[in-house]
Amino acid sequence: MSQESKGAGRPWHKERWVWFLLGVPGTSIVLSLIMLYVAVNGRDTLVEDDYYKAGLAINESLEKDASAVRLNLSARLEVDEHQGLKLYLSGNLPDRPDILVLFFEHPTLSKQDFDIRLIPEGDHYYGLIEQPLKGRRYLTLTAVDSTWRLQTNVEFPIETINFAPKKERFSS
């Protein structure tokens, strides 16, 4: 009996090489469908929809930073174990703001962005975070009228955060 007659009686679906040859393109099709699903349903939140308008807003934002430098503003934020916030603001403000707004921005996930209103309480401002934060956040502190802003970025959990204006931008 020759070698050819031994393999001739087996059905094709029991041959190992047939499944190997069909498996490569089959796996490619499955992975392509997964990538298509992710591309359609996974919106990239880092891309600005109206980039022209965002570009024009940069000059306005820089003016807020320059105003913070002119007013010699700085702030210290203390976070206690119960997620309470105490903010001490110093500088040459003509009037003490009634309310401050503190924006918490996640670097990549816009759904995790939120803001907190800080109200005066004695010599500081007070606010409360609803849930503990973990990971990197960009913080922006501003008055309700948005005439100035202070920014920093931190890695949570943290107890003390210092805000200071970026003076090197306006030294010329």
Protein backbone atom coordinates (compact mmCIF):
# COMPACT_ATOMS: atom_id res chain seq x y z
CA MET A 1 0.00 0.00 0.00
CA SER A 2 1.42 3.38 -0.96
CA GLN A 3 1.40 6.68 0.98
CA GLU A 4 -1.15 8.22 -1.40
CA SER A 5 -3.77 5.61 -0.70
CA LYS A 6 -3.48 6.05 3.11
CA GLY A 7 -4.40 9.80 3.11
CA ALA A 8 -7.00 9.56 0.35
CA GLY A 9 -9.65 8.07 2.63
CA ARG A 10 -9.66 10.82 5.30
CA PRO A 11 -12.27 13.59 5.08
CA TRP A 12 -10.91 17.12 4.49
CA HIS A 13 -12.11 18.47 7.85
CA LYS A 14 -9.86 16.05 9.71
CA GLU A 15 -6.72 17.36 8.01
CA ARG A 16 -4.62 19.58 10.24
CA TRP A 17 -3.18 21.75 7.43
CA VAL A 18 -6.61 22.69 6.11
CA TRP A 19 -7.57 24.22 9.47
CA PHE A 20 -4.22 26.00 9.70
CA LEU A 21 -4.68 27.53 6.24
CA LEU A 22 -8.29 28.56 6.98
CA GLY A 23 -7.44 29.83 10.48
CA VAL A 24 -5.08 32.60 9.36
CA PRO A 25 -7.61 34.51 7.20
CA GLY A 26 -10.43 33.67 9.64
CA THR A 27 -8.49 35.23 12.52
CA SER A 28 -7.76 38.28 10.35
CA ILE A 29 -11.46 38.77 9.65
CA VAL A 30 -12.41 38.50 13.33
CA LEU A 31 -9.70 40.97 14.40
CA SER A 32 -10.70 43.37 11.60
CA LEU A 33 -14.31 43.35 12.80
CA ILE A 34 -13.17 44.06 16.37
CA MET A 35 -11.03 46.98 15.17
CA LEU A 36 -13.93 48.33 13.10
CA TYR A 37 -16.22 48.21 16.15
CA VAL A 38 -13.66 50.08 18.30
CA ALA A 39 -13.11 52.70 15.58
CA VAL A 40 -16.83 53.38 15.14
CA ASN A 41 -17.83 53.36 18.82
CA GLY A 42 -14.69 54.70 20.50
CA ARG A 43 -14.75 58.46 19.97
CA ASP A 44 -11.44 60.24 20.49
CA THR A 45 -12.20 62.96 23.04
CA LEU A 46 -8.79 64.57 22.60
CA VAL A 47 -9.70 65.97 19.19
CA GLU A 48 -11.39 69.38 19.29
CA ASP A 49 -14.50 69.59 17.11
CA ASP A 50 -14.19 73.31 16.49
CA TYR A 51 -10.42 73.78 16.52
CA TYR A 52 -10.58 77.29 15.02
CA LYS A 53 -12.73 78.61 17.86
CA ALA A 54 -10.47 76.86 20.39
CA GLY A 55 -7.44 78.51 18.79
CA LEU A 56 -9.01 81.95 19.13
CA ALA A 57 -9.76 81.28 22.79
CA ILE A 58 -6.05 80.79 23.54
CA ASN A 59 -5.40 84.55 23.48
CA GLU A 60 -8.23 85.13 25.95
CA SER A 61 -6.83 82.40 28.22
CA LEU A 62 -3.36 83.96 28.13
CA GLU A 63 -4.88 87.29 29.19
CA LYS A 64 -6.34 85.56 32.26
CA ASP A 65 -2.86 84.24 33.12
CA ALA A 66 -1.35 87.71 32.65
CA SER A 67 -4.01 89.17 34.94
CA ALA A 68 -3.06 86.65 37.66
CA VAL A 69 0.59 87.73 37.32
CA ARG A 70 -0.34 91.44 37.57
CA LEU A 71 -2.40 90.74 40.68
CA ASN A 72 0.44 88.64 42.16
CA LEU A 73 -2.01 85.82 42.91
CA SER A 74 -1.16 82.49 44.50
CA ALA A 75 -3.19 79.87 46.30
CA ARG A 76 -2.73 76.84 48.52
CA LEU A 77 -5.32 74.07 48.44
CA GLU A 78 -5.53 71.54 51.27
CA VAL A 79 -7.42 68.27 50.82
CA ASP A 80 -8.46 66.53 54.04
CA GLU A 81 -9.23 62.83 54.59
CA HIS A 82 -12.98 63.42 54.05
CA GLN A 83 -12.43 65.05 50.61
CA GLY A 84 -13.00 68.52 52.06
CA LEU A 85 -11.15 71.36 50.32
CA LYS A 86 -9.69 74.44 52.02
CA LEU A 87 -8.27 77.06 49.69
CA TYR A 88 -6.15 79.98 50.89
CA LEU A 89 -5.93 82.75 48.26
CA SER A 90 -3.36 85.54 48.45
CA GLY A 91 -2.51 88.45 46.20
CA ASN A 92 -3.45 92.02 45.38
CA LEU A 93 -7.13 91.56 44.63
CA PRO A 94 -9.19 94.75 44.95
CA ASP A 95 -12.14 92.78 46.42
CA ARG A 96 -12.36 89.28 47.81
CA PRO A 97 -14.36 87.11 45.36
CA ASP A 98 -17.68 85.79 46.68
CA ILE A 99 -17.23 82.43 44.96
CA LEU A 100 -14.27 80.68 43.37
CA VAL A 101 -14.56 77.92 40.78
CA LEU A 102 -12.12 75.00 40.78
CA PHE A 103 -12.08 72.89 37.60
CA PHE A 104 -10.79 69.30 37.71
CA GLU A 105 -9.87 68.00 34.25
CA HIS A 106 -8.75 64.46 33.47
CA PRO A 107 -5.98 64.38 30.83
CA THR A 108 -7.81 61.99 28.49
CA LEU A 109 -11.32 61.21 29.77
CA SER A 110 -13.61 64.23 29.48
CA LYS A 111 -16.41 62.33 31.25
CA GLN A 112 -14.37 62.58 34.46
CA ASP A 113 -14.12 66.41 34.28
CA PHE A 114 -16.06 68.42 36.86
CA ASP A 115 -15.98 71.72 38.72
CA ILE A 116 -16.56 72.73 42.33
CA ARG A 117 -17.78 76.04 43.69
CA LEU A 118 -15.71 77.20 46.67
CA ILE A 119 -17.43 79.50 49.16
CA PRO A 120 -15.76 81.83 51.68
CA GLU A 121 -15.46 80.56 55.22
CA GLY A 122 -13.35 82.73 57.52
CA ASP A 123 -9.89 83.29 56.05
CA HIS A 124 -10.24 80.58 53.40
CA TYR A 125 -12.64 79.10 50.85
CA TYR A 126 -14.34 75.74 51.37
CA GLY A 127 -15.65 73.04 49.05
CA LEU A 128 -16.24 69.30 48.98
CA ILE A 129 -15.33 66.58 46.48
CA GLU A 130 -18.05 63.93 46.23
CA GLN A 131 -15.70 61.00 45.69
CA PRO A 132 -11.97 60.34 46.15
CA LEU A 133 -9.77 61.16 43.18
CA LYS A 134 -6.98 59.01 41.81
CA GLY A 135 -4.55 59.75 39.04
CA ARG A 136 -3.43 62.88 37.22
CA ARG A 137 -5.66 65.95 37.01
CA TYR A 138 -5.28 69.45 35.57
CA LEU A 139 -6.65 72.02 38.01
CA THR A 140 -7.82 75.52 37.09
CA LEU A 141 -8.82 78.03 39.76
CA THR A 142 -10.75 81.13 38.74
CA ALA A 143 -13.23 83.65 40.09
CA VAL A 144 -16.82 83.48 38.85
CA ASP A 145 -16.21 86.52 36.60
CA SER A 146 -13.22 84.70 34.98
CA THR A 147 -10.93 87.74 34.95
CA TRP A 148 -7.94 85.69 36.13
CA ARG A 149 -6.93 82.05 36.49
CA LEU A 150 -4.34 79.90 38.23
CA GLN A 151 -3.43 76.46 36.92
CA THR A 152 -1.48 73.44 38.01
CA ASN A 153 -1.43 69.68 37.46
CA VAL A 154 -1.19 67.10 40.20
CA GLU A 155 -1.29 63.39 40.85
CA PHE A 156 -4.01 62.36 43.33
CA PRO A 157 -4.15 61.40 46.16
CA ILE A 158 -2.40 64.51 47.49
CA GLU A 159 -2.79 66.64 50.64
CA THR A 160 -1.51 70.10 49.58
CA ILE A 161 -1.59 71.75 46.15
CA ASN A 162 0.09 75.07 45.36
CA PHE A 163 -1.11 77.36 42.59
CA ALA A 164 1.11 80.08 41.12
CA PRO A 165 0.87 82.02 37.84
CA LYS A 166 3.26 81.18 35.01
CA LYS A 167 5.43 84.33 35.11
CA GLU A 168 7.92 83.25 32.42
CA ARG A 169 5.26 83.75 29.72
CA PHE A 170 4.88 87.45 30.56
CA SER A 171 8.41 88.52 31.45
CA SER A 172 9.15 90.28 28.13
